[in-house]
Amino acid sequence: MKKLLMIGMAAIATVVWAQDKAMSLADASGKVDAAAKDAATMSSIMKQLSPEDQVAFLAKVNAAIGSFPGSPEEKAAVYLNANEAAMKSHKGNLQKLLAETYATVPLEALTVINESFANDLFNRKADPSRPETDASFKAKALDTMKKIQARNAGSPDAGVRDTFAALMFIRASDGTPADFRDAVVANLPDAQTRDLAKNEWIPPALGEGQSKTYDPMLGSSVSEPDAEAPSVDVVLRLAGPQSSAALLADLMSDGLAMPATAAKLDSMRDVADYGMNRIPRTTNKDMPWYGGYRRNEVADRNRDSEGGKPEPHPYRWQRTY
């Protein structure tokens, strides 16, 4: 029965995505710069792309941002806004989008993204109405880490990139379960990365026993040897307020169902995607949208204090129900 339900949900999601897809990747590619510079434009375009094209488009946007002029703080702010908009516009492909972020955003901007995403998007306490158990949180994080690690495989900085993703989940865990940090580190793909992450990268990045610094991680970079961590406070000020959204529950929905967790928390998301634009119904006769009357039966309810005219009686053959 559960399997049939999941298949049905996947079918519904496929239909919705097909209806929502109104732009090809080729057409969207002509708007990369505009999307990179404006989160609202990024969100609008992403919602018109198929799940597969969303991932490809995000990679194009991140590549374009890399060519923009500006200080490290200014560019990090652009990366943050564009990638946050992408996450909030996902269509059941959140793990793939997140993996693309950690594969294509420069390391210096990942210093900010890992902190902001942990606080605003993937914190386990972001949706109090759907609390995450320790087991559920760990399972989702470890499964997503596998997708991120697979995407980064072959990158000269794979270990550093994977550790930035691990840091995001460690921050998002709020310290529980107690063994979560060790589990995430143990899940990293090679012994050297595991050792560096545990002993040299994660403790200073979390500010344990000293001032917080990403210097050991950035200093280990092969492709970005001169990378320096921008000021997080400056980046967030440039990026503007980041709206919270509970996306953690959507991490395990890849390809199975429409994401719905963040709909009520994210004012930037198009609520039409979740059926919230449907005609309201109520059994309360005092509410304006109560639909239990025929038109000629509510004349008195439609008069105002100035003596407004009642609704006319239905014309011949008009349906009144």
Protein backbone atom coordinates (compact mmCIF):
# COMPACT_ATOMS: atom_id res chain seq x y z
CA MET A 1 0.00 0.00 0.00
CA LYS A 2 2.83 2.39 0.92
CA LYS A 3 4.58 1.63 -2.35
CA LEU A 4 1.43 2.40 -4.32
CA LEU A 5 1.01 5.67 -2.44
CA MET A 6 4.57 6.73 -3.26
CA ILE A 7 4.07 5.84 -6.92
CA GLY A 8 0.89 7.89 -6.98
CA MET A 9 2.61 10.86 -5.39
CA ALA A 10 5.43 10.61 -7.91
CA ALA A 11 2.89 10.57 -10.76
CA ILE A 12 1.19 13.67 -9.40
CA ALA A 13 4.52 15.43 -9.02
CA THR A 14 5.47 14.52 -12.59
CA VAL A 15 2.23 16.02 -13.92
CA VAL A 16 2.74 19.21 -11.89
CA TRP A 17 6.32 19.54 -13.08
CA ALA A 18 5.25 19.03 -16.69
CA GLN A 19 2.64 21.76 -16.35
CA ASP A 20 5.08 24.04 -14.55
CA LYS A 21 7.83 23.67 -17.15
CA ALA A 22 7.40 26.68 -19.37
CA MET A 23 11.00 27.39 -20.31
CA SER A 24 13.75 25.34 -21.95
CA LEU A 25 17.31 25.36 -20.66
CA ALA A 26 18.37 27.05 -23.88
CA ASP A 27 15.94 29.91 -23.30
CA ALA A 28 16.89 30.17 -19.65
CA SER A 29 20.58 30.30 -20.54
CA GLY A 30 20.03 33.68 -22.16
CA LYS A 31 18.92 35.03 -18.78
CA VAL A 32 21.77 33.73 -16.64
CA ASP A 33 23.20 37.13 -15.75
CA ALA A 34 19.79 38.51 -14.82
CA ALA A 35 19.08 35.51 -12.62
CA ALA A 36 22.47 35.74 -10.94
CA LYS A 37 21.93 39.38 -10.04
CA ASP A 38 18.36 39.11 -8.75
CA ALA A 39 16.99 36.39 -6.48
CA ALA A 40 13.40 36.97 -7.59
CA THR A 41 14.39 36.46 -11.23
CA MET A 42 16.36 33.36 -10.28
CA SER A 43 13.35 31.94 -8.48
CA SER A 44 10.97 32.72 -11.35
CA ILE A 45 13.19 31.05 -13.95
CA MET A 46 13.93 28.03 -11.80
CA LYS A 47 10.22 27.37 -11.32
CA GLN A 48 9.77 27.20 -15.09
CA LEU A 49 12.51 24.59 -15.60
CA SER A 50 12.39 20.83 -15.30
CA PRO A 51 14.19 19.29 -12.30
CA GLU A 52 17.12 18.25 -14.50
CA ASP A 53 17.38 21.67 -16.14
CA GLN A 54 17.25 23.36 -12.74
CA VAL A 55 20.54 21.70 -11.79
CA ALA A 56 22.20 22.63 -15.08
CA PHE A 57 20.95 26.21 -14.83
CA LEU A 58 22.28 26.60 -11.29
CA ALA A 59 25.71 25.52 -12.51
CA LYS A 60 25.55 28.15 -15.28
CA VAL A 61 24.54 30.86 -12.82
CA ASN A 62 27.39 30.02 -10.45
CA ALA A 63 29.85 30.05 -13.33
CA ALA A 64 28.57 33.46 -14.41
CA ILE A 65 28.91 34.93 -10.94
CA GLY A 66 32.55 33.90 -10.94
CA SER A 67 33.19 36.30 -13.82
CA PHE A 68 31.47 39.26 -12.16
CA PRO A 69 33.59 42.14 -10.85
CA GLY A 70 33.51 42.95 -7.17
CA SER A 71 35.07 42.21 -3.81
CA PRO A 72 35.00 38.71 -2.28
CA GLU A 73 32.21 39.91 0.04
CA GLU A 74 30.12 41.28 -2.82
CA LYS A 75 30.45 38.11 -4.89
CA ALA A 76 29.77 35.88 -1.90
CA ALA A 77 26.53 37.80 -1.31
CA VAL A 78 25.49 37.18 -4.93
CA TYR A 79 26.31 33.47 -4.62
CA LEU A 80 24.30 33.25 -1.40
CA ASN A 81 21.18 34.91 -2.80
CA ALA A 82 21.20 32.95 -6.07
CA ASN A 83 21.78 29.57 -4.45
CA GLU A 84 19.25 30.14 -1.69
CA ALA A 85 16.65 31.03 -4.32
CA ALA A 86 17.53 27.83 -6.17
CA MET A 87 17.05 25.67 -3.07
CA LYS A 88 13.66 27.23 -2.37
CA SER A 89 12.53 26.60 -5.94
CA HIS A 90 13.40 22.92 -6.01
CA LYS A 91 11.09 20.33 -7.54
CA GLY A 92 11.91 17.23 -5.54
CA ASN A 93 15.59 17.46 -6.60
CA LEU A 94 16.90 19.27 -3.53
CA GLN A 95 19.81 16.89 -2.93
CA LYS A 96 21.05 17.38 -6.49
CA LEU A 97 20.76 21.16 -6.25
CA LEU A 98 22.60 21.19 -2.94
CA ALA A 99 25.32 18.98 -4.41
CA GLU A 100 25.64 21.40 -7.33
CA THR A 101 26.08 24.30 -4.94
CA TYR A 102 28.89 22.56 -3.08
CA ALA A 103 30.51 21.57 -6.38
CA THR A 104 30.35 24.90 -8.24
CA VAL A 105 30.48 27.74 -5.70
CA PRO A 106 34.04 28.93 -4.93
CA LEU A 107 35.42 27.80 -1.58
CA GLU A 108 35.60 31.32 -0.15
CA ALA A 109 31.84 31.77 -0.68
CA LEU A 110 31.09 28.34 0.84
CA THR A 111 32.34 29.76 4.14
CA VAL A 112 29.22 31.94 4.21
CA ILE A 113 26.83 29.53 2.49
CA ASN A 114 27.45 26.68 4.94
CA GLU A 115 26.57 28.95 7.87
CA SER A 116 23.58 30.64 6.26
CA PHE A 117 22.07 27.42 4.90
CA ALA A 118 22.52 25.71 8.28
CA ASN A 119 20.66 28.50 10.03
CA ASP A 120 18.00 29.46 7.48
CA LEU A 121 17.26 26.37 5.36
CA PHE A 122 18.34 23.09 6.92
CA ASN A 123 18.22 23.62 10.65
CA ARG A 124 16.47 20.71 12.29
CA LYS A 125 14.36 23.09 14.39
CA ALA A 126 13.21 25.26 11.48
CA ASP A 127 9.73 23.70 11.44
CA PRO A 128 8.46 23.19 15.02
CA SER A 129 5.29 21.56 13.68
CA ARG A 130 7.35 18.70 12.21
CA PRO A 131 10.16 17.98 14.67
CA GLU A 132 12.99 15.81 13.39
CA THR A 133 14.02 12.80 15.43
CA ASP A 134 17.72 12.17 15.89
CA ALA A 135 17.53 9.10 13.68
CA SER A 136 15.64 10.90 10.93
CA PHE A 137 17.98 13.89 10.90
CA LYS A 138 21.07 11.70 10.79
CA ALA A 139 19.66 9.55 7.98
CA LYS A 140 18.77 12.56 5.82
CA ALA A 141 22.10 14.25 6.40
CA LEU A 142 24.20 11.17 5.68
CA ASP A 143 22.20 10.29 2.60
CA THR A 144 22.55 13.83 1.26
CA MET A 145 26.27 13.85 2.04
CA LYS A 146 26.66 10.79 -0.18
CA LYS A 147 25.09 12.71 -3.07
CA ILE A 148 27.32 15.71 -2.45
CA GLN A 149 30.43 13.55 -2.20
CA ALA A 150 29.56 11.74 -5.42
CA ARG A 151 29.15 15.08 -7.21
CA ASN A 152 32.51 16.34 -5.89
CA ALA A 153 34.38 13.14 -6.70
CA GLY A 154 37.30 13.94 -8.98
CA SER A 155 37.48 17.59 -7.96
CA PRO A 156 40.95 18.67 -6.78
CA ASP A 157 39.29 20.17 -3.71
CA ALA A 158 36.75 17.41 -3.12
CA GLY A 159 37.77 16.92 0.51
CA VAL A 160 37.43 20.60 1.37
CA ARG A 161 34.12 20.91 -0.45
CA ASP A 162 32.73 17.81 1.25
CA THR A 163 33.81 19.17 4.63
CA PHE A 164 32.03 22.47 3.99
CA ALA A 165 28.84 20.44 3.42
CA ALA A 166 29.55 18.44 6.58
CA LEU A 167 29.95 21.69 8.50
CA MET A 168 26.54 22.82 7.28
CA PHE A 169 24.86 19.73 8.70
CA ILE A 170 26.88 19.87 11.92
CA ARG A 171 25.71 23.43 12.49
CA ALA A 172 22.15 22.54 11.50
CA SER A 173 22.09 19.68 14.01
CA ASP A 174 22.26 22.06 17.00
CA GLY A 175 24.51 19.54 18.74
CA THR A 176 22.22 16.53 18.64
CA PRO A 177 22.45 13.62 18.41
CA ALA A 178 25.70 13.52 20.36
CA ASP A 179 27.40 11.20 17.88
CA PHE A 180 26.26 13.09 14.78
CA ARG A 181 29.51 14.95 14.13
CA ASP A 182 31.57 11.76 14.36
CA ALA A 183 29.12 10.00 12.05
CA VAL A 184 29.35 12.71 9.39
CA VAL A 185 33.16 12.76 9.52
CA ALA A 186 33.33 8.97 9.37
CA ASN A 187 31.16 9.12 6.26
CA LEU A 188 33.72 11.23 4.35
CA PRO A 189 35.16 9.20 1.47
CA ASP A 190 38.91 9.00 2.19
CA ALA A 191 41.13 8.61 5.24
CA GLN A 192 43.16 11.78 4.65
CA THR A 193 40.04 13.95 4.43
CA ARG A 194 38.57 12.31 7.51
CA ASP A 195 41.72 13.01 9.52
CA LEU A 196 42.05 16.62 8.34
CA ALA A 197 38.35 17.32 8.85
CA LYS A 198 38.31 15.90 12.35
CA ASN A 199 41.53 17.42 13.65
CA GLU A 200 42.43 20.47 11.57
CA TRP A 201 39.43 21.81 9.68
CA ILE A 202 36.20 21.45 11.62
CA PRO A 203 37.34 22.56 15.13
CA PRO A 204 38.66 25.99 14.02
CA ALA A 205 35.74 26.48 11.61
CA LEU A 206 33.42 26.08 14.59
CA GLY A 207 35.60 28.33 16.74
CA GLU A 208 36.41 25.65 19.27
CA GLY A 209 39.09 26.81 21.70
CA GLN A 210 40.02 29.80 19.55
CA SER A 211 38.62 32.43 17.21
CA LYS A 212 36.61 30.99 14.36
CA THR A 213 38.66 30.65 11.19
CA TYR A 214 38.45 28.84 7.87
CA ASP A 215 42.12 29.41 7.09
CA PRO A 216 43.19 25.75 7.50
CA MET A 217 40.50 24.62 5.06
CA LEU A 218 41.15 27.33 2.50
CA GLY A 219 44.90 26.87 2.86
CA SER A 220 44.49 23.25 1.81
CA SER A 221 42.88 24.21 -1.49
CA VAL A 222 44.57 23.06 -4.67
CA SER A 223 42.51 25.02 -7.19
CA GLU A 224 42.01 28.15 -5.06
CA PRO A 225 45.31 28.56 -3.16
CA ASP A 226 44.79 32.29 -2.58
CA ALA A 227 41.20 32.02 -1.31
CA GLU A 228 40.41 34.03 1.80
CA ALA A 229 37.25 33.84 3.85
CA PRO A 230 35.14 36.99 3.46
CA SER A 231 33.55 38.58 6.49
CA VAL A 232 30.29 36.76 7.11
CA ASP A 233 28.73 39.86 8.69
CA VAL A 234 29.63 42.00 5.70
CA VAL A 235 28.32 39.40 3.24
CA LEU A 236 25.00 39.07 5.02
CA ARG A 237 24.62 42.83 5.14
CA LEU A 238 25.22 43.02 1.39
CA ALA A 239 22.98 40.06 0.67
CA GLY A 240 20.10 41.44 2.68
CA PRO A 241 17.79 39.56 5.05
CA GLN A 242 17.68 35.82 4.38
CA SER A 243 14.18 34.39 4.73
CA SER A 244 13.91 31.15 6.65
CA ALA A 245 12.45 27.99 5.15
CA ALA A 246 12.24 24.45 6.50
CA LEU A 247 13.80 22.39 3.71
CA LEU A 248 15.22 19.55 5.77
CA ALA A 249 12.16 17.33 5.33
CA ASP A 250 12.44 17.70 1.55
CA LEU A 251 15.93 16.21 1.35
CA MET A 252 14.67 12.63 1.06
CA SER A 253 11.89 13.41 -1.44
CA ASP A 254 14.07 13.44 -4.56
CA GLY A 255 11.91 12.30 -7.45
CA LEU A 256 9.13 10.98 -5.22
CA ALA A 257 6.82 13.82 -4.31
CA MET A 258 6.21 17.52 -4.50
CA PRO A 259 8.08 19.47 -1.84
CA ALA A 260 5.67 21.10 0.55
CA THR A 261 7.52 21.67 3.80
CA ALA A 262 8.74 25.17 3.04
CA ALA A 263 5.55 26.47 1.46
CA LYS A 264 4.15 27.95 4.63
CA LEU A 265 7.48 29.33 5.81
CA ASP A 266 8.88 30.89 2.67
CA SER A 267 7.13 34.00 1.47
CA MET A 268 9.24 34.03 -1.72
CA ARG A 269 7.90 30.71 -2.94
CA ASP A 270 5.04 30.68 -5.42
CA VAL A 271 2.14 29.34 -3.38
CA ALA A 272 0.35 28.29 -6.53
CA ASP A 273 2.69 25.31 -6.60
CA TYR A 274 1.00 23.97 -3.51
CA GLY A 275 -2.64 24.50 -4.33
CA MET A 276 -2.99 27.44 -1.97
CA ASN A 277 -4.67 29.53 -4.65
CA ARG A 278 -7.71 27.29 -4.73
CA ILE A 279 -11.18 28.69 -4.01
CA PRO A 280 -11.60 28.76 -0.22
CA ARG A 281 -14.40 26.75 1.38
CA THR A 282 -16.02 27.12 4.76
CA THR A 283 -19.10 26.00 6.67
CA ASN A 284 -19.21 29.28 8.58
CA LYS A 285 -22.19 31.20 7.19
CA ASP A 286 -20.76 34.51 8.42
CA MET A 287 -17.65 34.25 6.27
CA PRO A 288 -17.66 36.15 2.94
CA TRP A 289 -16.71 33.05 0.95
CA TYR A 290 -19.40 30.78 2.38
CA GLY A 291 -20.88 29.06 -0.68
CA GLY A 292 -23.99 27.43 0.70
CA TYR A 293 -26.49 30.05 -0.49
CA ARG A 294 -28.07 30.67 -3.84
CA ARG A 295 -27.48 34.18 -5.12
CA ASN A 296 -31.05 35.40 -4.53
CA GLU A 297 -30.90 34.12 -0.93
CA VAL A 298 -28.06 36.42 0.14
CA ALA A 299 -29.48 39.75 -0.95
CA ASP A 300 -29.65 41.08 2.58
CA ARG A 301 -26.06 40.07 3.24
CA ASN A 302 -24.81 42.16 0.33
CA ARG A 303 -26.33 45.49 1.40
CA ASP A 304 -23.97 47.96 3.01
CA SER A 305 -24.71 50.70 5.52
CA GLU A 306 -25.31 53.18 2.69
CA GLY A 307 -28.21 51.17 1.34
CA GLY A 308 -26.33 49.32 -1.34
CA LYS A 309 -28.28 47.27 -3.84
CA PRO A 310 -28.73 43.53 -3.34
CA GLU A 311 -27.52 40.93 -5.78
CA PRO A 312 -29.98 40.55 -8.68
CA HIS A 313 -32.03 37.41 -9.11
CA PRO A 314 -30.50 34.87 -11.47
CA TYR A 315 -31.30 35.30 -15.13
CA ARG A 316 -33.12 32.55 -16.99
CA TRP A 317 -31.25 29.24 -17.20
CA GLN A 318 -28.41 30.48 -14.98
CA ARG A 319 -27.07 27.84 -12.61
CA THR A 320 -27.27 28.94 -8.99
CA TYR A 321 -25.46 26.09 -7.30
